[in-house]
Amino acid sequence: MNKNIISIIVAMAILIPALIASYITFTNIRDEIRLNLFGKISTADVTSHRMRPVTADKIVYELTYNFTIDGNEFSMSKNSEDQNWASLPKKQWENAKETGKVDILYLPSMPSINHPVFSDSSFFYETGVTLIVLLVIAIGCGFSINHQLKIINAKHQKNKDQQSL
């Protein structure tokens, strides 16, 4: 029975972070859908920019920005993986670096939900794939926990039946 309990604990240790990550990813997708349905485009001032090597072959191009709506100043959303920087495709980043401006999409009812207007559609693809992978992991862990609980229940029932004889 200890082996089954250990299996359940391992599955729960994987399941809980997968469910939390799924919720965060779902929230990002929900915000992105709201931005695409109700968002407005504005121009923001680039406040900083950087190139960050991720691997030997991949460099991420990032920037920070501020924008003003109805006299109120806002900065980029803080729901990205790196809290202070927005990633852009290289050409778009180079243009923003050169001009000091970047087009952003913001939600008029909540301007704190915003991001640069991307020249490619990689956000939906990457976020969608991430959500699918996380949900598959969560479902797999759920089935594993269910299976282990059935085994424990069957052993418990068998012990009960033997004791009653």
N, C-alpha and C. Protein backbone atom coordinates (compact mmCIF):
# COMPACT_ATOMS: atom_id res chain seq x y z
N MET A 1 0.82 -1.20 0.00
CA MET A 1 0.00 0.00 0.00
C MET A 1 0.86 1.26 0.00
N ASN A 2 2.06 1.21 0.58
CA ASN A 2 2.94 2.38 0.60
C ASN A 2 3.30 2.83 -0.81
N LYS A 3 3.50 1.85 -1.72
CA LYS A 3 3.85 2.17 -3.09
C LYS A 3 2.73 2.98 -3.75
N ASN A 4 1.48 2.62 -3.48
CA ASN A 4 0.34 3.33 -4.05
C ASN A 4 0.22 4.75 -3.48
N ILE A 5 0.47 4.89 -2.20
CA ILE A 5 0.40 6.22 -1.59
C ILE A 5 1.51 7.10 -2.14
N ILE A 6 2.69 6.55 -2.32
CA ILE A 6 3.79 7.33 -2.91
C ILE A 6 3.43 7.74 -4.33
N SER A 7 2.81 6.84 -5.10
CA SER A 7 2.38 7.18 -6.46
C SER A 7 1.37 8.32 -6.46
N ILE A 8 0.46 8.29 -5.51
CA ILE A 8 -0.54 9.36 -5.39
C ILE A 8 0.13 10.68 -5.04
N ILE A 9 1.07 10.65 -4.11
CA ILE A 9 1.76 11.88 -3.70
C ILE A 9 2.55 12.46 -4.88
N VAL A 10 3.24 11.59 -5.64
CA VAL A 10 3.99 12.07 -6.81
C VAL A 10 3.04 12.67 -7.85
N ALA A 11 1.93 11.97 -8.10
CA ALA A 11 0.96 12.47 -9.07
C ALA A 11 0.37 13.81 -8.61
N MET A 12 0.09 13.95 -7.32
CA MET A 12 -0.44 15.22 -6.79
C MET A 12 0.62 16.32 -6.90
N ALA A 13 1.87 15.97 -6.68
CA ALA A 13 2.95 16.95 -6.79
C ALA A 13 3.09 17.47 -8.22
N ILE A 14 2.71 16.67 -9.19
CA ILE A 14 2.72 17.10 -10.59
C ILE A 14 1.39 17.78 -10.93
N LEU A 15 0.30 17.24 -10.44
CA LEU A 15 -1.03 17.74 -10.78
C LEU A 15 -1.27 19.17 -10.30
N ILE A 16 -0.93 19.46 -9.06
CA ILE A 16 -1.23 20.79 -8.50
C ILE A 16 -0.51 21.90 -9.27
N PRO A 17 0.82 21.81 -9.50
CA PRO A 17 1.46 22.87 -10.31
C PRO A 17 0.90 22.94 -11.74
N ALA A 18 0.55 21.78 -12.32
CA ALA A 18 -0.01 21.79 -13.68
C ALA A 18 -1.35 22.51 -13.70
N LEU A 19 -2.18 22.31 -12.69
CA LEU A 19 -3.47 23.01 -12.62
C LEU A 19 -3.29 24.51 -12.40
N ILE A 20 -2.34 24.88 -11.56
CA ILE A 20 -2.06 26.30 -11.32
C ILE A 20 -1.55 26.96 -12.60
N ALA A 21 -0.60 26.30 -13.27
CA ALA A 21 -0.07 26.84 -14.53
C ALA A 21 -1.17 26.90 -15.60
N SER A 22 -2.07 25.91 -15.61
CA SER A 22 -3.18 25.93 -16.57
C SER A 22 -4.08 27.12 -16.32
N TYR A 23 -4.36 27.41 -15.06
CA TYR A 23 -5.20 28.56 -14.72
C TYR A 23 -4.55 29.87 -15.18
N ILE A 24 -3.27 30.02 -14.91
CA ILE A 24 -2.55 31.23 -15.32
C ILE A 24 -2.56 31.36 -16.83
N THR A 25 -2.31 30.26 -17.53
CA THR A 25 -2.31 30.28 -18.99
C THR A 25 -3.70 30.60 -19.52
N PHE A 26 -4.73 30.01 -18.93
CA PHE A 26 -6.11 30.30 -19.33
C PHE A 26 -6.42 31.78 -19.13
N THR A 27 -5.97 32.36 -18.01
CA THR A 27 -6.19 33.79 -17.75
C THR A 27 -5.53 34.64 -18.83
N ASN A 28 -4.32 34.27 -19.22
CA ASN A 28 -3.64 35.01 -20.29
C ASN A 28 -4.40 34.91 -21.61
N ILE A 29 -4.92 33.73 -21.91
CA ILE A 29 -5.69 33.54 -23.14
C ILE A 29 -6.98 34.37 -23.07
N ARG A 30 -7.64 34.35 -21.92
CA ARG A 30 -8.87 35.15 -21.74
C ARG A 30 -8.58 36.63 -21.96
N ASP A 31 -7.49 37.14 -21.37
CA ASP A 31 -7.12 38.55 -21.55
C ASP A 31 -6.80 38.84 -23.01
N GLU A 32 -6.15 37.91 -23.69
CA GLU A 32 -5.81 38.11 -25.09
C GLU A 32 -7.06 38.16 -25.95
N ILE A 33 -8.03 37.32 -25.65
CA ILE A 33 -9.29 37.34 -26.40
C ILE A 33 -10.00 38.67 -26.16
N ARG A 34 -10.05 39.12 -24.91
CA ARG A 34 -10.66 40.42 -24.61
C ARG A 34 -9.96 41.55 -25.34
N LEU A 35 -8.62 41.51 -25.36
CA LEU A 35 -7.86 42.54 -26.07
C LEU A 35 -8.20 42.54 -27.56
N ASN A 36 -8.29 41.34 -28.16
CA ASN A 36 -8.57 41.28 -29.59
C ASN A 36 -10.00 41.66 -29.93
N LEU A 37 -10.93 41.47 -29.01
CA LEU A 37 -12.32 41.85 -29.26
C LEU A 37 -12.59 43.32 -28.96
N PHE A 38 -12.05 43.82 -27.85
CA PHE A 38 -12.40 45.14 -27.37
C PHE A 38 -11.22 46.11 -27.28
N GLY A 39 -10.02 45.64 -27.62
CA GLY A 39 -8.82 46.46 -27.46
C GLY A 39 -8.73 47.63 -28.41
N LYS A 40 -7.99 48.61 -28.00
CA LYS A 40 -7.69 49.79 -28.80
C LYS A 40 -6.17 49.85 -29.00
N ILE A 41 -5.77 50.42 -30.12
CA ILE A 41 -4.35 50.56 -30.41
C ILE A 41 -3.92 51.98 -30.07
N SER A 42 -2.76 52.08 -29.44
CA SER A 42 -2.17 53.36 -29.12
C SER A 42 -0.67 53.25 -29.33
N THR A 43 0.00 54.37 -29.24
CA THR A 43 1.46 54.37 -29.37
C THR A 43 2.07 54.63 -28.01
N ALA A 44 3.05 53.83 -27.65
CA ALA A 44 3.72 53.97 -26.37
C ALA A 44 5.16 54.41 -26.59
N ASP A 45 5.72 55.05 -25.58
CA ASP A 45 7.12 55.46 -25.60
C ASP A 45 7.97 54.33 -25.04
N VAL A 46 8.97 53.92 -25.81
CA VAL A 46 9.89 52.88 -25.35
C VAL A 46 10.77 53.49 -24.25
N THR A 47 10.81 52.86 -23.09
CA THR A 47 11.61 53.37 -21.98
C THR A 47 12.94 52.64 -21.84
N SER A 48 13.00 51.43 -22.34
CA SER A 48 14.24 50.65 -22.26
C SER A 48 14.15 49.48 -23.24
N HIS A 49 15.29 48.99 -23.65
CA HIS A 49 15.31 47.83 -24.55
C HIS A 49 16.55 46.99 -24.25
N ARG A 50 16.46 45.71 -24.57
CA ARG A 50 17.59 44.81 -24.36
C ARG A 50 17.46 43.59 -25.25
N MET A 51 18.59 42.92 -25.46
CA MET A 51 18.63 41.62 -26.12
C MET A 51 19.09 40.64 -25.04
N ARG A 52 18.35 39.55 -24.89
CA ARG A 52 18.68 38.58 -23.84
C ARG A 52 18.87 37.21 -24.48
N PRO A 53 20.11 36.67 -24.40
CA PRO A 53 20.31 35.31 -24.94
C PRO A 53 19.60 34.28 -24.05
N VAL A 54 18.82 33.42 -24.68
CA VAL A 54 18.12 32.36 -23.96
C VAL A 54 18.90 31.06 -24.08
N THR A 55 19.33 30.77 -25.29
CA THR A 55 20.20 29.63 -25.57
C THR A 55 21.30 30.14 -26.49
N ALA A 56 22.19 29.25 -26.87
CA ALA A 56 23.27 29.65 -27.78
C ALA A 56 22.72 30.10 -29.13
N ASP A 57 21.56 29.56 -29.51
CA ASP A 57 20.98 29.87 -30.82
C ASP A 57 19.83 30.87 -30.78
N LYS A 58 19.33 31.20 -29.61
CA LYS A 58 18.13 32.04 -29.54
C LYS A 58 18.37 33.28 -28.69
N ILE A 59 18.02 34.42 -29.26
CA ILE A 59 18.08 35.69 -28.54
C ILE A 59 16.66 36.24 -28.48
N VAL A 60 16.27 36.71 -27.31
CA VAL A 60 14.96 37.31 -27.12
C VAL A 60 15.14 38.83 -27.13
N TYR A 61 14.30 39.51 -27.89
CA TYR A 61 14.36 40.96 -28.02
C TYR A 61 13.24 41.55 -27.18
N GLU A 62 13.61 42.38 -26.19
CA GLU A 62 12.64 42.86 -25.22
C GLU A 62 12.71 44.37 -25.05
N LEU A 63 11.60 44.92 -24.57
CA LEU A 63 11.56 46.34 -24.26
C LEU A 63 10.55 46.61 -23.17
N THR A 64 10.63 47.80 -22.61
CA THR A 64 9.62 48.29 -21.68
C THR A 64 9.06 49.58 -22.27
N TYR A 65 7.87 49.97 -21.84
CA TYR A 65 7.24 51.15 -22.41
C TYR A 65 6.25 51.77 -21.44
N ASN A 66 5.90 53.02 -21.72
CA ASN A 66 4.84 53.74 -21.00
C ASN A 66 3.91 54.36 -22.04
N PHE A 67 2.64 54.51 -21.68
CA PHE A 67 1.70 55.17 -22.58
C PHE A 67 0.68 55.94 -21.75
N THR A 68 0.05 56.91 -22.38
CA THR A 68 -0.90 57.77 -21.69
C THR A 68 -2.28 57.63 -22.34
N ILE A 69 -3.29 57.41 -21.50
CA ILE A 69 -4.68 57.33 -21.95
C ILE A 69 -5.48 58.28 -21.07
N ASP A 70 -6.16 59.23 -21.69
CA ASP A 70 -6.99 60.20 -20.97
C ASP A 70 -6.23 60.87 -19.82
N GLY A 71 -4.98 61.22 -20.05
CA GLY A 71 -4.17 61.91 -19.04
C GLY A 71 -3.58 61.02 -17.97
N ASN A 72 -3.88 59.72 -18.01
CA ASN A 72 -3.32 58.79 -17.02
C ASN A 72 -2.20 57.98 -17.68
N GLU A 73 -1.08 57.86 -16.97
CA GLU A 73 0.05 57.12 -17.52
C GLU A 73 0.01 55.66 -17.07
N PHE A 74 0.28 54.79 -18.02
CA PHE A 74 0.31 53.35 -17.76
C PHE A 74 1.61 52.79 -18.30
N SER A 75 1.98 51.65 -17.79
CA SER A 75 3.13 50.94 -18.33
C SER A 75 2.67 49.57 -18.79
N MET A 76 3.60 48.79 -19.25
CA MET A 76 3.24 47.48 -19.78
C MET A 76 2.62 46.60 -18.71
N SER A 77 1.84 45.61 -19.14
CA SER A 77 1.23 44.65 -18.22
C SER A 77 2.30 43.90 -17.47
N LYS A 78 1.96 43.47 -16.27
CA LYS A 78 2.93 42.71 -15.47
C LYS A 78 2.48 41.27 -15.31
N ASN A 79 2.00 40.68 -16.41
CA ASN A 79 1.57 39.28 -16.32
C ASN A 79 2.40 38.40 -17.25
N SER A 80 3.52 38.92 -17.71
CA SER A 80 4.37 38.13 -18.60
C SER A 80 5.34 37.29 -17.77
N GLU A 81 6.02 36.39 -18.45
CA GLU A 81 6.96 35.50 -17.76
C GLU A 81 8.05 36.31 -17.07
N ASP A 82 8.63 37.28 -17.76
CA ASP A 82 9.60 38.19 -17.17
C ASP A 82 8.83 39.46 -16.86
N GLN A 83 8.62 39.75 -15.60
CA GLN A 83 7.66 40.76 -15.15
C GLN A 83 7.88 42.17 -15.71
N ASN A 84 9.06 42.51 -16.13
CA ASN A 84 9.32 43.90 -16.49
C ASN A 84 9.57 44.14 -17.97
N TRP A 85 9.53 43.13 -18.81
CA TRP A 85 9.91 43.27 -20.20
C TRP A 85 8.90 42.60 -21.12
N ALA A 86 8.68 43.21 -22.29
CA ALA A 86 7.81 42.62 -23.32
C ALA A 86 8.70 42.13 -24.46
N SER A 87 8.48 40.92 -24.92
CA SER A 87 9.24 40.35 -26.03
C SER A 87 8.59 40.71 -27.35
N LEU A 88 9.43 40.97 -28.35
CA LEU A 88 8.96 41.29 -29.69
C LEU A 88 9.79 40.54 -30.72
N PRO A 89 9.22 40.33 -31.92
CA PRO A 89 10.05 39.81 -33.01
C PRO A 89 11.18 40.80 -33.31
N LYS A 90 12.31 40.31 -33.79
CA LYS A 90 13.51 41.11 -33.98
C LYS A 90 13.27 42.38 -34.80
N LYS A 91 12.63 42.26 -35.96
CA LYS A 91 12.42 43.44 -36.81
C LYS A 91 11.56 44.50 -36.12
N GLN A 92 10.53 44.05 -35.45
CA GLN A 92 9.65 44.98 -34.74
C GLN A 92 10.40 45.64 -33.59
N TRP A 93 11.24 44.88 -32.88
CA TRP A 93 12.05 45.40 -31.79
C TRP A 93 13.05 46.44 -32.31
N GLU A 94 13.70 46.13 -33.44
CA GLU A 94 14.66 47.07 -34.03
C GLU A 94 13.98 48.38 -34.41
N ASN A 95 12.79 48.29 -34.97
CA ASN A 95 12.03 49.50 -35.34
C ASN A 95 11.67 50.31 -34.09
N ALA A 96 11.22 49.64 -33.04
CA ALA A 96 10.86 50.33 -31.80
C ALA A 96 12.09 50.96 -31.17
N LYS A 97 13.21 50.29 -31.23
CA LYS A 97 14.47 50.82 -30.68
C LYS A 97 14.88 52.08 -31.44
N GLU A 98 14.74 52.04 -32.75
CA GLU A 98 15.14 53.16 -33.60
C GLU A 98 14.22 54.38 -33.42
N THR A 99 12.91 54.13 -33.39
CA THR A 99 11.95 55.24 -33.33
C THR A 99 11.63 55.68 -31.90
N GLY A 100 11.86 54.81 -30.93
CA GLY A 100 11.49 55.12 -29.55
C GLY A 100 10.01 54.96 -29.29
N LYS A 101 9.29 54.38 -30.25
CA LYS A 101 7.84 54.20 -30.14
C LYS A 101 7.49 52.75 -30.46
N VAL A 102 6.41 52.29 -29.86
CA VAL A 102 5.90 50.95 -30.17
C VAL A 102 4.38 51.01 -30.10
N ASP A 103 3.73 50.39 -31.07
CA ASP A 103 2.27 50.30 -31.04
C ASP A 103 1.87 49.26 -30.01
N ILE A 104 0.88 49.62 -29.20
CA ILE A 104 0.41 48.70 -28.17
C ILE A 104 -1.10 48.52 -28.31
N LEU A 105 -1.56 47.40 -27.81
CA LEU A 105 -2.98 47.09 -27.76
C LEU A 105 -3.35 47.09 -26.28
N TYR A 106 -4.37 47.87 -25.91
CA TYR A 106 -4.78 47.94 -24.51
C TYR A 106 -6.29 47.81 -24.41
N LEU A 107 -6.75 47.42 -23.26
CA LEU A 107 -8.17 47.27 -22.99
C LEU A 107 -8.68 48.59 -22.39
N PRO A 108 -9.56 49.32 -23.09
CA PRO A 108 -10.02 50.62 -22.59
C PRO A 108 -10.60 50.57 -21.18
N SER A 109 -11.31 49.51 -20.85
CA SER A 109 -11.90 49.40 -19.52
C SER A 109 -10.87 49.08 -18.44
N MET A 110 -9.70 48.60 -18.86
CA MET A 110 -8.64 48.26 -17.92
C MET A 110 -7.29 48.38 -18.65
N PRO A 111 -6.77 49.61 -18.83
CA PRO A 111 -5.54 49.80 -19.60
C PRO A 111 -4.32 49.05 -19.06
N SER A 112 -4.40 48.58 -17.82
CA SER A 112 -3.28 47.81 -17.29
C SER A 112 -3.14 46.47 -18.03
N ILE A 113 -4.18 46.05 -18.74
CA ILE A 113 -4.09 44.87 -19.60
C ILE A 113 -3.70 45.37 -20.98
N ASN A 114 -2.46 45.12 -21.35
CA ASN A 114 -1.91 45.63 -22.60
C ASN A 114 -0.69 44.83 -23.01
N HIS A 115 -0.32 44.97 -24.26
CA HIS A 115 0.93 44.42 -24.77
C HIS A 115 1.20 45.04 -26.13
N PRO A 116 2.43 44.90 -26.61
CA PRO A 116 2.71 45.42 -27.95
C PRO A 116 1.83 44.73 -28.99
N VAL A 117 1.54 45.45 -30.06
CA VAL A 117 0.83 44.85 -31.19
C VAL A 117 1.88 44.00 -31.91
N PHE A 118 1.68 42.70 -31.90
CA PHE A 118 2.68 41.80 -32.48
C PHE A 118 2.54 41.74 -33.99
N SER A 119 3.67 41.67 -34.65
CA SER A 119 3.64 41.56 -36.11
C SER A 119 3.48 40.10 -36.54
N ASP A 120 3.53 39.19 -35.58
CA ASP A 120 3.28 37.78 -35.90
C ASP A 120 2.23 37.25 -34.92
N SER A 121 1.74 36.07 -35.16
CA SER A 121 0.68 35.52 -34.31
C SER A 121 1.21 34.42 -33.39
N SER A 122 2.47 34.53 -32.98
CA SER A 122 3.08 33.47 -32.17
C SER A 122 2.46 33.35 -30.78
N PHE A 123 1.89 34.44 -30.24
CA PHE A 123 1.33 34.38 -28.89
C PHE A 123 0.28 33.30 -28.76
N PHE A 124 -0.72 33.31 -29.67
CA PHE A 124 -1.80 32.32 -29.57
C PHE A 124 -1.26 30.91 -29.75
N TYR A 125 -0.35 30.72 -30.67
CA TYR A 125 0.20 29.40 -30.91
C TYR A 125 0.94 28.89 -29.67
N GLU A 126 1.86 29.69 -29.14
CA GLU A 126 2.65 29.26 -27.98
C GLU A 126 1.78 29.06 -26.75
N THR A 127 0.86 29.98 -26.51
CA THR A 127 0.00 29.87 -25.33
C THR A 127 -0.97 28.70 -25.47
N GLY A 128 -1.51 28.51 -26.66
CA GLY A 128 -2.41 27.38 -26.89
C GLY A 128 -1.73 26.04 -26.70
N VAL A 129 -0.53 25.90 -27.24
CA VAL A 129 0.23 24.65 -27.08
C VAL A 129 0.55 24.42 -25.60
N THR A 130 0.95 25.49 -24.90
CA THR A 130 1.26 25.37 -23.47
C THR A 130 0.03 24.90 -22.70
N LEU A 131 -1.12 25.49 -22.97
CA LEU A 131 -2.34 25.10 -22.27
C LEU A 131 -2.70 23.64 -22.55
N ILE A 132 -2.59 23.22 -23.78
CA ILE A 132 -2.90 21.82 -24.13
C ILE A 132 -1.97 20.87 -23.40
N VAL A 133 -0.68 21.16 -23.39
CA VAL A 133 0.29 20.29 -22.69
C VAL A 133 -0.03 20.23 -21.21
N LEU A 134 -0.30 21.38 -20.60
CA LEU A 134 -0.60 21.40 -19.16
C LEU A 134 -1.87 20.62 -18.85
N LEU A 135 -2.88 20.75 -19.69
CA LEU A 135 -4.13 20.01 -19.45
C LEU A 135 -3.94 18.51 -19.63
N VAL A 136 -3.13 18.12 -20.61
CA VAL A 136 -2.84 16.68 -20.80
C VAL A 136 -2.12 16.14 -19.57
N ILE A 137 -1.16 16.90 -19.04
CA ILE A 137 -0.46 16.47 -17.82
C ILE A 137 -1.45 16.34 -16.67
N ALA A 138 -2.31 17.34 -16.51
CA ALA A 138 -3.29 17.32 -15.42
C ALA A 138 -4.24 16.13 -15.55
N ILE A 139 -4.71 15.86 -16.76
CA ILE A 139 -5.62 14.72 -16.98
C ILE A 139 -4.90 13.41 -16.68
N GLY A 140 -3.67 13.29 -17.16
CA GLY A 140 -2.89 12.08 -16.89
C GLY A 140 -2.69 11.86 -15.40
N CYS A 141 -2.37 12.90 -14.67
CA CYS A 141 -2.19 12.79 -13.23
C CYS A 141 -3.51 12.43 -12.55
N GLY A 142 -4.59 13.02 -13.03
CA GLY A 142 -5.90 12.69 -12.46
C GLY A 142 -6.24 11.22 -12.64
N PHE A 143 -5.99 10.68 -13.84
CA PHE A 143 -6.23 9.25 -14.09
C PHE A 143 -5.33 8.39 -13.21
N SER A 144 -4.07 8.81 -13.05
CA SER A 144 -3.14 8.05 -12.21
C SER A 144 -3.61 8.01 -10.76
N ILE A 145 -4.03 9.15 -10.26
CA ILE A 145 -4.53 9.21 -8.88
C ILE A 145 -5.78 8.36 -8.73
N ASN A 146 -6.69 8.44 -9.68
CA ASN A 146 -7.91 7.64 -9.65
C ASN A 146 -7.57 6.15 -9.64
N HIS A 147 -6.64 5.75 -10.51
CA HIS A 147 -6.24 4.33 -10.59
C HIS A 147 -5.63 3.86 -9.26
N GLN A 148 -4.74 4.68 -8.69
CA GLN A 148 -4.10 4.29 -7.42
C GLN A 148 -5.13 4.21 -6.30
N LEU A 149 -6.09 5.11 -6.28
CA LEU A 149 -7.13 5.05 -5.25
C LEU A 149 -8.00 3.81 -5.41
N LYS A 150 -8.28 3.41 -6.65
CA LYS A 150 -9.04 2.18 -6.88
C LYS A 150 -8.27 0.96 -6.36
N ILE A 151 -6.96 0.94 -6.58
CA ILE A 151 -6.13 -0.17 -6.09
C ILE A 151 -6.15 -0.22 -4.57
N ILE A 152 -5.98 0.95 -3.95
CA ILE A 152 -6.00 1.01 -2.48
C ILE A 152 -7.36 0.56 -1.96
N ASN A 153 -8.44 1.02 -2.59
CA ASN A 153 -9.78 0.65 -2.17
C ASN A 153 -10.01 -0.86 -2.34
N ALA A 154 -9.53 -1.42 -3.45
CA ALA A 154 -9.70 -2.86 -3.68
C ALA A 154 -8.94 -3.66 -2.63
N LYS A 155 -7.71 -3.24 -2.30
CA LYS A 155 -6.93 -3.94 -1.27
C LYS A 155 -7.60 -3.82 0.09
N HIS A 156 -8.11 -2.63 0.38
CA HIS A 156 -8.79 -2.42 1.64
C HIS A 156 -10.04 -3.30 1.74
N GLN A 157 -10.80 -3.38 0.64
CA GLN A 157 -12.00 -4.20 0.61
C GLN A 157 -11.64 -5.67 0.76
N LYS A 158 -10.55 -6.09 0.11
CA LYS A 158 -10.11 -7.49 0.20
C LYS A 158 -9.73 -7.82 1.64
N ASN A 159 -9.01 -6.91 2.32
CA ASN A 159 -8.63 -7.13 3.72
C ASN A 159 -9.87 -7.20 4.61
N LYS A 160 -10.85 -6.36 4.33
CA LYS A 160 -12.10 -6.35 5.08
C LYS A 160 -12.84 -7.68 4.93
N ASP A 161 -12.90 -8.16 3.67
CA ASP A 161 -13.58 -9.43 3.37
C ASP A 161 -12.88 -10.59 4.08
N GLN A 162 -11.54 -10.58 4.10
CA GLN A 162 -10.78 -11.65 4.75
C GLN A 162 -10.99 -11.65 6.27
N GLN A 163 -11.11 -10.45 6.83
CA GLN A 163 -11.30 -10.34 8.27
C GLN A 163 -12.69 -10.80 8.68
N SER A 164 -13.66 -10.64 7.80
CA SER A 164 -15.02 -11.03 8.16
C SER A 164 -15.23 -12.55 8.05
N LEU A 165 -14.31 -13.23 7.38
CA LEU A 165 -14.43 -14.69 7.29
C LEU A 165 -13.98 -15.30 8.53
